[in-house]
Every structure is written in C-alpha cells, then in structure tokens.
Amino acid sequence: MFSKRGQELSIGTLILIIIGVIVLVLLVLGFSMGWGDLFSKVGIFQGSDMSSMITACGVAVSSQSLESYCECKMVKLDDKTKVKINCADKRVTALAGTNVLTPSCSQAQNSKCPQNT
C-alpha cells in the first residue's frame, strides 16, 4: 500500500511556536501581576536601584558626559522608598568613591532633583 509519512515540522515553525508561548506567558503574567512587578521579578529591564545608579554614574564619569551625570533618575533605596536623584547626590558619591565628574552639576540641574541632600 501507500507509505504514510507524517508532515514534517520545520525548525523555523518550532522556534516561532516556542517564542509565541513565551510571549503569551509574559502577557498573562504582566496583566495578572502588574507590569512593574513582572519586570523587576523577571529581570527583563535593568533595575533602578542604588547599585545600578552607581554603575551608570561610573559610565558617565568615564565617558565625561556631564548631561548623563546630572540627569535625575528615580531610584529605589529599599522596597518602599523611591527618590529622584542624580550622580551628584551625596548618597551616590559616598558609595561611588572617586567617581566624581568635574565640573560638577550646576545649581539649576541640582534643583531638578528635589531629593538631593
């Protein structure tokens, strides 16, 4: 009789199915848990905590980018406390050590970050 063969499944189709399932799972988790919680738990985007702020400040110093150095960013100090600071903040410079950019941020740039102490 006839030899029956199953239809072949190409590698491309298999990869698209896997990507579709992953996207579907992320959508379900995002809408059920909330997008902020999902991104922090899954680690899709870099967190905005003090360690990532110090890393960003180090990059700004090494590239001599005063604009990035003085840009205000929302940073989580702990689970409940969020502050808007830039690299000139005393909490950042105390932890970063010698990673300070001169000339420093102007008074106008620091006034955009009300949490600078």
PDB file of N, CA and C in Angstrom:
ATOM      1  N   MET A   1       0.818  -1.173   0.000  1.00  0.00           N
ATOM      2  CA  MET A   1       0.000   0.000   0.000  1.00  0.00           C
ATOM      3  C   MET A   1       0.870   1.248   0.000  1.00  0.00           C
ATOM      4  N   PHE A   2       0.248   2.301   0.379  1.00  0.00           N
ATOM      5  CA  PHE A   2       0.984   3.556   0.409  1.00  0.00           C
ATOM      6  C   PHE A   2       1.756   3.667   1.713  1.00  0.00           C
ATOM      7  N   SER A   3       2.961   4.271   1.629  1.00  0.00           N
ATOM      8  CA  SER A   3       3.709   4.519   2.868  1.00  0.00           C
ATOM      9  C   SER A   3       3.241   5.851   3.431  1.00  0.00           C
ATOM     10  N   LYS A   4       2.789   5.820   4.669  1.00  0.00           N
ATOM     11  CA  LYS A   4       2.271   7.036   5.292  1.00  0.00           C
ATOM     12  C   LYS A   4       3.405   7.722   6.043  1.00  0.00           C
ATOM     13  N   ARG A   5       3.610   8.962   5.725  1.00  0.00           N
ATOM     14  CA  ARG A   5       4.619   9.745   6.422  1.00  0.00           C
ATOM     15  C   ARG A   5       3.921  10.947   7.062  1.00  0.00           C
ATOM     16  N   GLY A   6       4.398  11.308   8.236  1.00  0.00           N
ATOM     17  CA  GLY A   6       3.854  12.484   8.905  1.00  0.00           C
ATOM     18  C   GLY A   6       4.397  13.747   8.263  1.00  0.00           C
ATOM     19  N   GLN A   7       3.676  14.791   8.409  1.00  0.00           N
ATOM     20  CA  GLN A   7       4.128  16.055   7.857  1.00  0.00           C
ATOM     21  C   GLN A   7       5.296  16.560   8.687  1.00  0.00           C
ATOM     22  N   GLU A   8       6.321  16.997   8.018  1.00  0.00           N
ATOM     23  CA  GLU A   8       7.496  17.459   8.734  1.00  0.00           C
ATOM     24  C   GLU A   8       7.245  18.844   9.319  1.00  0.00           C
ATOM     25  N   LEU A   9       7.838  19.086  10.489  1.00  0.00           N
ATOM     26  CA  LEU A   9       7.739  20.367  11.166  1.00  0.00           C
ATOM     27  C   LEU A   9       9.098  21.029  11.061  1.00  0.00           C
ATOM     28  N   SER A  10       9.152  22.138  10.378  1.00  0.00           N
ATOM     29  CA  SER A  10      10.440  22.789  10.170  1.00  0.00           C
ATOM     30  C   SER A  10      10.932  23.434  11.466  1.00  0.00           C
ATOM     31  N   ILE A  11      12.219  23.675  11.514  1.00  0.00           N
ATOM     32  CA  ILE A  11      12.840  24.282  12.686  1.00  0.00           C
ATOM     33  C   ILE A  11      12.299  25.699  12.896  1.00  0.00           C
ATOM     34  N   GLY A  12      12.092  26.421  11.820  1.00  0.00           N
ATOM     35  CA  GLY A  12      11.555  27.782  11.931  1.00  0.00           C
ATOM     36  C   GLY A  12      10.189  27.815  12.576  1.00  0.00           C
ATOM     37  N   THR A  13       9.334  26.877  12.185  1.00  0.00           N
ATOM     38  CA  THR A  13       7.998  26.799  12.768  1.00  0.00           C
ATOM     39  C   THR A  13       8.072  26.463  14.246  1.00  0.00           C
ATOM     40  N   LEU A  14       8.950  25.565  14.619  1.00  0.00           N
ATOM     41  CA  LEU A  14       9.121  25.175  16.015  1.00  0.00           C
ATOM     42  C   LEU A  14       9.606  26.362  16.855  1.00  0.00           C
ATOM     43  N   ILE A  15      10.532  27.134  16.328  1.00  0.00           N
ATOM     44  CA  ILE A  15      11.043  28.305  17.053  1.00  0.00           C
ATOM     45  C   ILE A  15       9.944  29.343  17.227  1.00  0.00           C
ATOM     46  N   LEU A  16       9.135  29.568  16.183  1.00  0.00           N
ATOM     47  CA  LEU A  16       8.034  30.521  16.293  1.00  0.00           C
ATOM     48  C   LEU A  16       6.989  30.078  17.316  1.00  0.00           C
ATOM     49  N   ILE A  17       6.725  28.794  17.402  1.00  0.00           N
ATOM     50  CA  ILE A  17       5.785  28.282  18.404  1.00  0.00           C
ATOM     51  C   ILE A  17       6.324  28.536  19.812  1.00  0.00           C
ATOM     52  N   ILE A  18       7.610  28.280  20.027  1.00  0.00           N
ATOM     53  CA  ILE A  18       8.218  28.487  21.349  1.00  0.00           C
ATOM     54  C   ILE A  18       8.188  29.969  21.720  1.00  0.00           C
ATOM     55  N   ILE A  19       8.540  30.850  20.784  1.00  0.00           N
ATOM     56  CA  ILE A  19       8.509  32.292  21.053  1.00  0.00           C
ATOM     57  C   ILE A  19       7.078  32.743  21.348  1.00  0.00           C
ATOM     58  N   GLY A  20       6.114  32.222  20.619  1.00  0.00           N
ATOM     59  CA  GLY A  20       4.711  32.558  20.860  1.00  0.00           C
ATOM     60  C   GLY A  20       4.245  32.151  22.243  1.00  0.00           C
ATOM     61  N   VAL A  21       4.649  30.976  22.696  1.00  0.00           N
ATOM     62  CA  VAL A  21       4.275  30.509  24.034  1.00  0.00           C
ATOM     63  C   VAL A  21       4.905  31.405  25.101  1.00  0.00           C
ATOM     64  N   ILE A  22       6.178  31.787  24.920  1.00  0.00           N
ATOM     65  CA  ILE A  22       6.857  32.656  25.885  1.00  0.00           C
ATOM     66  C   ILE A  22       6.175  34.019  25.955  1.00  0.00           C
ATOM     67  N   VAL A  23       5.833  34.589  24.804  1.00  0.00           N
ATOM     68  CA  VAL A  23       5.146  35.886  24.774  1.00  0.00           C
ATOM     69  C   VAL A  23       3.780  35.775  25.443  1.00  0.00           C
ATOM     70  N   LEU A  24       3.069  34.703  25.192  1.00  0.00           N
ATOM     71  CA  LEU A  24       1.763  34.503  25.805  1.00  0.00           C
ATOM     72  C   LEU A  24       1.875  34.410  27.319  1.00  0.00           C
ATOM     73  N   VAL A  25       2.854  33.676  27.818  1.00  0.00           N
ATOM     74  CA  VAL A  25       3.066  33.559  29.269  1.00  0.00           C
ATOM     75  C   VAL A  25       3.414  34.923  29.869  1.00  0.00           C
ATOM     76  N   LEU A  26       4.284  35.693  29.213  1.00  0.00           N
ATOM     77  CA  LEU A  26       4.638  37.021  29.716  1.00  0.00           C
ATOM     78  C   LEU A  26       3.436  37.956  29.732  1.00  0.00           C
ATOM     79  N   LEU A  27       2.588  37.880  28.720  1.00  0.00           N
ATOM     80  CA  LEU A  27       1.381  38.707  28.698  1.00  0.00           C
ATOM     81  C   LEU A  27       0.434  38.355  29.840  1.00  0.00           C
ATOM     82  N   VAL A  28       0.224  37.066  30.064  1.00  0.00           N
ATOM     83  CA  VAL A  28      -0.661  36.638  31.153  1.00  0.00           C
ATOM     84  C   VAL A  28      -0.099  37.087  32.497  1.00  0.00           C
ATOM     85  N   LEU A  29       1.209  36.898  32.717  1.00  0.00           N
ATOM     86  CA  LEU A  29       1.826  37.331  33.976  1.00  0.00           C
ATOM     87  C   LEU A  29       1.796  38.843  34.121  1.00  0.00           C
ATOM     88  N   GLY A  30       2.028  39.562  33.047  1.00  0.00           N
ATOM     89  CA  GLY A  30       2.021  41.016  33.106  1.00  0.00           C
ATOM     90  C   GLY A  30       0.670  41.584  33.478  1.00  0.00           C
ATOM     91  N   PHE A  31      -0.392  41.055  32.883  1.00  0.00           N
ATOM     92  CA  PHE A  31      -1.716  41.562  33.186  1.00  0.00           C
ATOM     93  C   PHE A  31      -2.222  41.086  34.538  1.00  0.00           C
ATOM     94  N   SER A  32      -1.760  39.945  35.016  1.00  0.00           N
ATOM     95  CA  SER A  32      -2.244  39.461  36.303  1.00  0.00           C
ATOM     96  C   SER A  32      -1.442  40.032  37.475  1.00  0.00           C
ATOM     97  N   MET A  33      -0.119  40.149  37.345  1.00  0.00           N
ATOM     98  CA  MET A  33       0.723  40.630  38.449  1.00  0.00           C
ATOM     99  C   MET A  33       0.957  42.129  38.390  1.00  0.00           C
ATOM    100  N   GLY A  34       0.872  42.707  37.240  1.00  0.00           N
ATOM    101  CA  GLY A  34       1.250  44.102  37.054  1.00  0.00           C
ATOM    102  C   GLY A  34       2.598  44.144  36.357  1.00  0.00           C
ATOM    103  N   TRP A  35       2.763  45.112  35.470  1.00  0.00           N
ATOM    104  CA  TRP A  35       3.960  45.152  34.642  1.00  0.00           C
ATOM    105  C   TRP A  35       5.207  45.508  35.444  1.00  0.00           C
ATOM    106  N   GLY A  36       5.089  46.387  36.429  1.00  0.00           N
ATOM    107  CA  GLY A  36       6.253  46.772  37.231  1.00  0.00           C
ATOM    108  C   GLY A  36       6.804  45.592  38.013  1.00  0.00           C
ATOM    109  N   ASP A  37       5.915  44.813  38.612  1.00  0.00           N
ATOM    110  CA  ASP A  37       6.358  43.641  39.363  1.00  0.00           C
ATOM    111  C   ASP A  37       6.969  42.591  38.444  1.00  0.00           C
ATOM    112  N   LEU A  38       6.380  42.441  37.271  1.00  0.00           N
ATOM    113  CA  LEU A  38       6.883  41.442  36.327  1.00  0.00           C
ATOM    114  C   LEU A  38       8.301  41.774  35.888  1.00  0.00           C
ATOM    115  N   PHE A  39       8.553  43.040  35.519  1.00  0.00           N
ATOM    116  CA  PHE A  39       9.875  43.423  35.041  1.00  0.00           C
ATOM    117  C   PHE A  39      10.916  43.302  36.145  1.00  0.00           C
ATOM    118  N   SER A  40      10.546  43.606  37.387  1.00  0.00           N
ATOM    119  CA  SER A  40      11.521  43.505  38.470  1.00  0.00           C
ATOM    120  C   SER A  40      11.803  42.046  38.838  1.00  0.00           C
ATOM    121  N   LYS A  41      10.795  41.179  38.747  1.00  0.00           N
ATOM    122  CA  LYS A  41      10.999  39.772  39.107  1.00  0.00           C
ATOM    123  C   LYS A  41      11.679  38.980  38.001  1.00  0.00           C
ATOM    124  N   VAL A  42      11.300  39.246  36.767  1.00  0.00           N
ATOM    125  CA  VAL A  42      11.878  38.513  35.653  1.00  0.00           C
ATOM    126  C   VAL A  42      13.260  39.067  35.312  1.00  0.00           C
ATOM    127  N   GLY A  43      13.471  40.353  35.550  1.00  0.00           N
ATOM    128  CA  GLY A  43      14.761  40.966  35.264  1.00  0.00           C
ATOM    129  C   GLY A  43      14.943  41.305  33.799  1.00  0.00           C
ATOM    130  N   ILE A  44      13.839  41.619  33.114  1.00  0.00           N
ATOM    131  CA  ILE A  44      13.929  41.968  31.701  1.00  0.00           C
ATOM    132  C   ILE A  44      14.674  43.278  31.537  1.00  0.00           C
ATOM    133  N   PHE A  45      14.306  44.267  32.355  1.00  0.00           N
ATOM    134  CA  PHE A  45      14.960  45.565  32.297  1.00  0.00           C
ATOM    135  C   PHE A  45      15.853  45.718  33.518  1.00  0.00           C
ATOM    136  N   GLN A  46      16.901  46.484  33.342  1.00  0.00           N
ATOM    137  CA  GLN A  46      17.812  46.708  34.449  1.00  0.00           C
ATOM    138  C   GLN A  46      17.085  47.455  35.554  1.00  0.00           C
ATOM    139  N   GLY A  47      17.270  46.996  36.781  1.00  0.00           N
ATOM    140  CA  GLY A  47      16.618  47.625  37.907  1.00  0.00           C
ATOM    141  C   GLY A  47      17.138  49.018  38.171  1.00  0.00           C
ATOM    142  N   SER A  48      16.315  49.825  38.799  1.00  0.00           N
ATOM    143  CA  SER A  48      16.727  51.176  39.118  1.00  0.00           C
ATOM    144  C   SER A  48      16.987  51.269  40.614  1.00  0.00           C
ATOM    145  N   ASP A  49      17.968  50.520  41.082  1.00  0.00           N
ATOM    146  CA  ASP A  49      18.348  50.601  42.472  1.00  0.00           C
ATOM    147  C   ASP A  49      19.673  51.344  42.582  1.00  0.00           C
ATOM    148  N   MET A  50      20.183  51.466  43.789  1.00  0.00           N
ATOM    149  CA  MET A  50      21.379  52.272  44.016  1.00  0.00           C
ATOM    150  C   MET A  50      22.598  51.682  43.306  1.00  0.00           C
ATOM    151  N   SER A  51      22.710  50.366  43.234  1.00  0.00           N
ATOM    152  CA  SER A  51      23.877  49.768  42.569  1.00  0.00           C
ATOM    153  C   SER A  51      23.883  50.051  41.072  1.00  0.00           C
ATOM    154  N   SER A  52      22.709  50.026  40.437  1.00  0.00           N
ATOM    155  CA  SER A  52      22.665  50.360  39.008  1.00  0.00           C
ATOM    156  C   SER A  52      22.899  51.848  38.785  1.00  0.00           C
ATOM    157  N   MET A  53      22.504  52.680  39.756  1.00  0.00           N
ATOM    158  CA  MET A  53      22.767  54.117  39.664  1.00  0.00           C
ATOM    159  C   MET A  53      24.271  54.383  39.741  1.00  0.00           C
ATOM    160  N   ILE A  54      24.965  53.690  40.627  1.00  0.00           N
ATOM    161  CA  ILE A  54      26.414  53.863  40.763  1.00  0.00           C
ATOM    162  C   ILE A  54      27.126  53.403  39.495  1.00  0.00           C
ATOM    163  N   THR A  55      26.651  52.306  38.903  1.00  0.00           N
ATOM    164  CA  THR A  55      27.223  51.833  37.647  1.00  0.00           C
ATOM    165  C   THR A  55      27.014  52.853  36.537  1.00  0.00           C
ATOM    166  N   ALA A  56      25.803  53.403  36.448  1.00  0.00           N
ATOM    167  CA  ALA A  56      25.513  54.418  35.428  1.00  0.00           C
ATOM    168  C   ALA A  56      26.356  55.671  35.644  1.00  0.00           C
ATOM    169  N   CYS A  57      26.579  56.033  36.892  1.00  0.00           N
ATOM    170  CA  CYS A  57      27.409  57.203  37.186  1.00  0.00           C
ATOM    171  C   CYS A  57      28.867  56.943  36.806  1.00  0.00           C
ATOM    172  N   GLY A  58      29.329  55.725  37.035  1.00  0.00           N
ATOM    173  CA  GLY A  58      30.689  55.376  36.624  1.00  0.00           C
ATOM    174  C   GLY A  58      30.874  55.461  35.124  1.00  0.00           C
ATOM    175  N   VAL A  59      29.865  55.035  34.380  1.00  0.00           N
ATOM    176  CA  VAL A  59      29.917  55.132  32.923  1.00  0.00           C
ATOM    177  C   VAL A  59      29.910  56.596  32.490  1.00  0.00           C
ATOM    178  N   ALA A  60      29.087  57.418  33.161  1.00  0.00           N
ATOM    179  CA  ALA A  60      29.029  58.844  32.824  1.00  0.00           C
ATOM    180  C   ALA A  60      30.361  59.527  33.103  1.00  0.00           C
ATOM    181  N   VAL A  61      31.030  59.143  34.193  1.00  0.00           N
ATOM    182  CA  VAL A  61      32.330  59.733  34.518  1.00  0.00           C
ATOM    183  C   VAL A  61      33.379  59.295  33.512  1.00  0.00           C
ATOM    184  N   SER A  62      33.393  58.012  33.179  1.00  0.00           N
ATOM    185  CA  SER A  62      34.419  57.512  32.253  1.00  0.00           C
ATOM    186  C   SER A  62      34.246  58.087  30.849  1.00  0.00           C
ATOM    187  N   SER A  63      33.000  58.405  30.469  1.00  0.00           N
ATOM    188  CA  SER A  63      32.770  58.996  29.151  1.00  0.00           C
ATOM    189  C   SER A  63      32.733  60.522  29.191  1.00  0.00           C
ATOM    190  N   GLN A  64      32.936  61.092  30.377  1.00  0.00           N
ATOM    191  CA  GLN A  64      32.929  62.553  30.563  1.00  0.00           C
ATOM    192  C   GLN A  64      31.622  63.183  30.085  1.00  0.00           C
ATOM    193  N   SER A  65      30.507  62.527  30.366  1.00  0.00           N
ATOM    194  CA  SER A  65      29.189  63.003  29.943  1.00  0.00           C
ATOM    195  C   SER A  65      28.517  63.731  31.108  1.00  0.00           C
ATOM    196  N   LEU A  66      28.619  65.052  31.108  1.00  0.00           N
ATOM    197  CA  LEU A  66      28.025  65.853  32.176  1.00  0.00           C
ATOM    198  C   LEU A  66      26.502  65.771  32.136  1.00  0.00           C
ATOM    199  N   GLU A  67      25.934  65.641  30.946  1.00  0.00           N
ATOM    200  CA  GLU A  67      24.476  65.548  30.824  1.00  0.00           C
ATOM    201  C   GLU A  67      23.945  64.278  31.493  1.00  0.00           C
ATOM    202  N   SER A  68      24.590  63.142  31.253  1.00  0.00           N
ATOM    203  CA  SER A  68      24.164  61.896  31.889  1.00  0.00           C
ATOM    204  C   SER A  68      24.437  61.922  33.386  1.00  0.00           C
ATOM    205  N   TYR A  69      25.514  62.563  33.776  1.00  0.00           N
ATOM    206  CA  TYR A  69      25.902  62.642  35.183  1.00  0.00           C
ATOM    207  C   TYR A  69      24.879  63.443  35.985  1.00  0.00           C
ATOM    208  N   CYS A  70      24.334  64.492  35.397  1.00  0.00           N
ATOM    209  CA  CYS A  70      23.411  65.381  36.106  1.00  0.00           C
ATOM    210  C   CYS A  70      21.944  65.031  35.893  1.00  0.00           C
ATOM    211  N   GLU A  71      21.657  64.033  35.086  1.00  0.00           N
ATOM    212  CA  GLU A  71      20.271  63.647  34.810  1.00  0.00           C
ATOM    213  C   GLU A  71      19.643  63.018  36.050  1.00  0.00           C
ATOM    214  N   CYS A  72      18.450  63.482  36.412  1.00  0.00           N
ATOM    215  CA  CYS A  72      17.725  62.952  37.570  1.00  0.00           C
ATOM    216  C   CYS A  72      17.069  61.622  37.206  1.00  0.00           C
ATOM    217  N   LYS A  73      17.212  60.651  38.105  1.00  0.00           N
ATOM    218  CA  LYS A  73      16.613  59.335  37.890  1.00  0.00           C
ATOM    219  C   LYS A  73      15.909  58.894  39.154  1.00  0.00           C
ATOM    220  N   MET A  74      14.809  58.170  38.987  1.00  0.00           N
ATOM    221  CA  MET A  74      14.083  57.612  40.119  1.00  0.00           C
ATOM    222  C   MET A  74      14.789  56.337  40.566  1.00  0.00           C
ATOM    223  N   VAL A  75      15.177  56.287  41.842  1.00  0.00           N
ATOM    224  CA  VAL A  75      15.975  55.176  42.365  1.00  0.00           C
ATOM    225  C   VAL A  75      15.276  54.604  43.594  1.00  0.00           C
ATOM    226  N   LYS A  76      15.242  53.272  43.685  1.00  0.00           N
ATOM    227  CA  LYS A  76      14.692  52.613  44.859  1.00  0.00           C
ATOM    228  C   LYS A  76      15.797  52.456  45.897  1.00  0.00           C
ATOM    229  N   LEU A  77      15.594  53.029  47.081  1.00  0.00           N
ATOM    230  CA  LEU A  77      16.552  52.841  48.166  1.00  0.00           C
ATOM    231  C   LEU A  77      16.276  51.543  48.901  1.00  0.00           C
ATOM    232  N   ASP A  78      15.017  51.232  49.106  1.00  0.00           N
ATOM    233  CA  ASP A  78      14.599  49.943  49.658  1.00  0.00           C
ATOM    234  C   ASP A  78      13.283  49.567  48.981  1.00  0.00           C
ATOM    235  N   ASP A  79      12.569  48.603  49.515  1.00  0.00           N
ATOM    236  CA  ASP A  79      11.354  48.131  48.849  1.00  0.00           C
ATOM    237  C   ASP A  79      10.271  49.200  48.743  1.00  0.00           C
ATOM    238  N   LYS A  80      10.246  50.156  49.677  1.00  0.00           N
ATOM    239  CA  LYS A  80       9.157  51.122  49.695  1.00  0.00           C
ATOM    240  C   LYS A  80       9.592  52.547  49.366  1.00  0.00           C
ATOM    241  N   THR A  81      10.873  52.858  49.502  1.00  0.00           N
ATOM    242  CA  THR A  81      11.336  54.227  49.342  1.00  0.00           C
ATOM    243  C   THR A  81      11.934  54.443  47.963  1.00  0.00           C
ATOM    244  N   LYS A  82      11.369  55.411  47.222  1.00  0.00           N
ATOM    245  CA  LYS A  82      11.902  55.816  45.926  1.00  0.00           C
ATOM    246  C   LYS A  82      12.237  57.293  46.004  1.00  0.00           C
ATOM    247  N   VAL A  83      13.406  57.659  45.496  1.00  0.00           N
ATOM    248  CA  VAL A  83      13.819  59.059  45.473  1.00  0.00           C
ATOM    249  C   VAL A  83      14.311  59.418  44.077  1.00  0.00           C
ATOM    250  N   LYS A  84      14.239  60.700  43.765  1.00  0.00           N
ATOM    251  CA  LYS A  84      14.711  61.194  42.473  1.00  0.00           C
ATOM    252  C   LYS A  84      16.049  61.886  42.724  1.00  0.00           C
ATOM    253  N   ILE A  85      17.143  61.283  42.237  1.00  0.00           N
ATOM    254  CA  ILE A  85      18.483  61.810  42.482  1.00  0.00           C
ATOM    255  C   ILE A  85      19.309  61.766  41.201  1.00  0.00           C
ATOM    256  N   ASN A  86      20.454  62.433  41.232  1.00  0.00           N
ATOM    257  CA  ASN A  86      21.420  62.333  40.141  1.00  0.00           C
ATOM    258  C   ASN A  86      22.762  61.901  40.729  1.00  0.00           C
ATOM    259  N   CYS A  87      23.781  61.859  39.913  1.00  0.00           N
ATOM    260  CA  CYS A  87      25.080  61.346  40.361  1.00  0.00           C
ATOM    261  C   CYS A  87      25.781  62.279  41.337  1.00  0.00           C
ATOM    262  N   ALA A  88      25.354  63.536  41.423  1.00  0.00           N
ATOM    263  CA  ALA A  88      25.968  64.486  42.348  1.00  0.00           C
ATOM    264  C   ALA A  88      25.418  64.348  43.761  1.00  0.00           C
ATOM    265  N   ASP A  89      24.431  63.492  43.963  1.00  0.00           N
ATOM    266  CA  ASP A  89      23.853  63.288  45.280  1.00  0.00           C
ATOM    267  C   ASP A  89      24.896  62.695  46.227  1.00  0.00           C
ATOM    268  N   LYS A  90      24.872  63.126  47.498  1.00  0.00           N
ATOM    269  CA  LYS A  90      25.871  62.675  48.473  1.00  0.00           C
ATOM    270  C   LYS A  90      25.799  61.168  48.725  1.00  0.00           C
ATOM    271  N   ARG A  91      24.601  60.585  48.633  1.00  0.00           N
ATOM    272  CA  ARG A  91      24.469  59.132  48.843  1.00  0.00           C
ATOM    273  C   ARG A  91      25.156  58.356  47.735  1.00  0.00           C
ATOM    274  N   VAL A  92      25.123  58.887  46.534  1.00  0.00           N
ATOM    275  CA  VAL A  92      25.757  58.218  45.396  1.00  0.00           C
ATOM    276  C   VAL A  92      27.272  58.405  45.450  1.00  0.00           C
ATOM    277  N   THR A  93      27.715  59.641  45.699  1.00  0.00           N
ATOM    278  CA  THR A  93      29.165  59.893  45.720  1.00  0.00           C
ATOM    279  C   THR A  93      29.836  59.193  46.883  1.00  0.00           C
ATOM    280  N   ALA A  94      29.124  58.991  47.989  1.00  0.00           N
ATOM    281  CA  ALA A  94      29.710  58.274  49.121  1.00  0.00           C
ATOM    282  C   ALA A  94      29.965  56.809  48.775  1.00  0.00           C
ATOM    283  N   LEU A  95      29.061  56.219  48.013  1.00  0.00           N
ATOM    284  CA  LEU A  95      29.220  54.814  47.636  1.00  0.00           C
ATOM    285  C   LEU A  95      30.120  54.642  46.416  1.00  0.00           C
ATOM    286  N   ALA A  96      30.127  55.643  45.524  1.00  0.00           N
ATOM    287  CA  ALA A  96      30.901  55.535  44.286  1.00  0.00           C
ATOM    288  C   ALA A  96      32.380  55.817  44.511  1.00  0.00           C
ATOM    289  N   GLY A  97      32.725  56.527  45.561  1.00  0.00           N
ATOM    290  CA  GLY A  97      34.125  56.822  45.836  1.00  0.00           C
ATOM    291  C   GLY A  97      34.643  57.944  44.973  1.00  0.00           C
ATOM    292  N   THR A  98      35.673  57.667  44.180  1.00  0.00           N
ATOM    293  CA  THR A  98      36.332  58.712  43.408  1.00  0.00           C
ATOM    294  C   THR A  98      35.661  58.985  42.075  1.00  0.00           C
ATOM    295  N   ASN A  99      34.565  58.313  41.777  1.00  0.00           N
ATOM    296  CA  ASN A  99      33.869  58.539  40.500  1.00  0.00           C
ATOM    297  C   ASN A  99      33.048  59.819  40.561  1.00  0.00           C
ATOM    298  N   VAL A 100      33.719  60.966  40.494  1.00  0.00           N
ATOM    299  CA  VAL A 100      33.062  62.267  40.524  1.00  0.00           C
ATOM    300  C   VAL A 100      33.503  63.026  39.285  1.00  0.00           C
ATOM    301  N   LEU A 101      32.555  63.669  38.653  1.00  0.00           N
ATOM    302  CA  LEU A 101      32.842  64.404  37.427  1.00  0.00           C
ATOM    303  C   LEU A 101      33.034  65.875  37.757  1.00  0.00           C
ATOM    304  N   THR A 102      34.119  66.454  37.251  1.00  0.00           N
ATOM    305  CA  THR A 102      34.336  67.888  37.414  1.00  0.00           C
ATOM    306  C   THR A 102      34.386  68.513  36.034  1.00  0.00           C
ATOM    307  N   PRO A 103      33.732  69.575  35.754  1.00  0.00           N
ATOM    308  CA  PRO A 103      32.939  70.374  36.678  1.00  0.00           C
ATOM    309  C   PRO A 103      31.654  69.652  37.061  1.00  0.00           C
ATOM    310  N   SER A 104      31.175  69.953  38.228  1.00  0.00           N
ATOM    311  CA  SER A 104      30.005  69.275  38.756  1.00  0.00           C
ATOM    312  C   SER A 104      28.725  69.872  38.180  1.00  0.00           C
ATOM    313  N   CYS A 105      27.596  69.338  38.596  1.00  0.00           N
ATOM    314  CA  CYS A 105      26.303  69.805  38.114  1.00  0.00           C
ATOM    315  C   CYS A 105      26.043  71.220  38.624  1.00  0.00           C
ATOM    316  N   SER A 106      25.380  72.021  37.802  1.00  0.00           N
ATOM    317  CA  SER A 106      25.053  73.387  38.192  1.00  0.00           C
ATOM    318  C   SER A 106      23.908  73.381  39.199  1.00  0.00           C
ATOM    319  N   GLN A 107      23.681  74.501  39.809  1.00  0.00           N
ATOM    320  CA  GLN A 107      22.590  74.634  40.778  1.00  0.00           C
ATOM    321  C   GLN A 107      21.242  74.397  40.107  1.00  0.00           C
ATOM    322  N   ALA A 108      21.100  74.844  38.878  1.00  0.00           N
ATOM    323  CA  ALA A 108      19.842  74.644  38.144  1.00  0.00           C
ATOM    324  C   ALA A 108      19.586  73.161  37.888  1.00  0.00           C
ATOM    325  N   GLN A 109      20.651  72.421  37.568  1.00  0.00           N
ATOM    326  CA  GLN A 109      20.490  70.988  37.332  1.00  0.00           C
ATOM    327  C   GLN A 109      20.171  70.257  38.631  1.00  0.00           C
ATOM    328  N   ASN A 110      20.804  70.663  39.732  1.00  0.00           N
ATOM    329  CA  ASN A 110      20.524  70.024  41.017  1.00  0.00           C
ATOM    330  C   ASN A 110      19.125  70.349  41.519  1.00  0.00           C
ATOM    331  N   SER A 111      18.599  71.509  41.166  1.00  0.00           N
ATOM    332  CA  SER A 111      17.254  71.884  41.645  1.00  0.00           C
ATOM    333  C   SER A 111      16.183  71.012  40.978  1.00  0.00           C
ATOM    334  N   LYS A 112      16.493  70.369  39.858  1.00  0.00           N
ATOM    335  CA  LYS A 112      15.528  69.469  39.217  1.00  0.00           C
ATOM    336  C   LYS A 112      15.370  68.179  40.008  1.00  0.00           C
ATOM    337  N   CYS A 113      16.334  67.885  40.856  1.00  0.00           N
ATOM    338  CA  CYS A 113      16.281  66.692  41.706  1.00  0.00           C
ATOM    339  C   CYS A 113      15.999  67.144  43.138  1.00  0.00           C
ATOM    340  N   PRO A 114      14.757  67.212  43.550  1.00  0.00           N
ATOM    341  CA  PRO A 114      14.445  67.764  44.870  1.00  0.00           C
ATOM    342  C   PRO A 114      14.973  66.924  46.029  1.00  0.00           C
ATOM    343  N   GLN A 115      15.334  65.684  45.774  1.00  0.00           N
ATOM    344  CA  GLN A 115      15.782  64.814  46.852  1.00  0.00           C
ATOM    345  C   GLN A 115      17.268  64.917  47.142  1.00  0.00           C
ATOM    346  N   ASN A 116      18.013  65.696  46.371  1.00  0.00           N
ATOM    347  CA  ASN A 116      19.456  65.823  46.613  1.00  0.00           C
ATOM    348  C   ASN A 116      19.698  66.438  47.971  1.00  0.00           C
ATOM    349  N   THR A 117      20.599  65.799  48.702  1.00  0.00           N
ATOM    350  CA  THR A 117      20.915  66.293  50.039  1.00  0.00           C
ATOM    351  C   THR A 117      22.368  66.698  50.114  1.00  0.00           C
TER     352      THR A 117
END
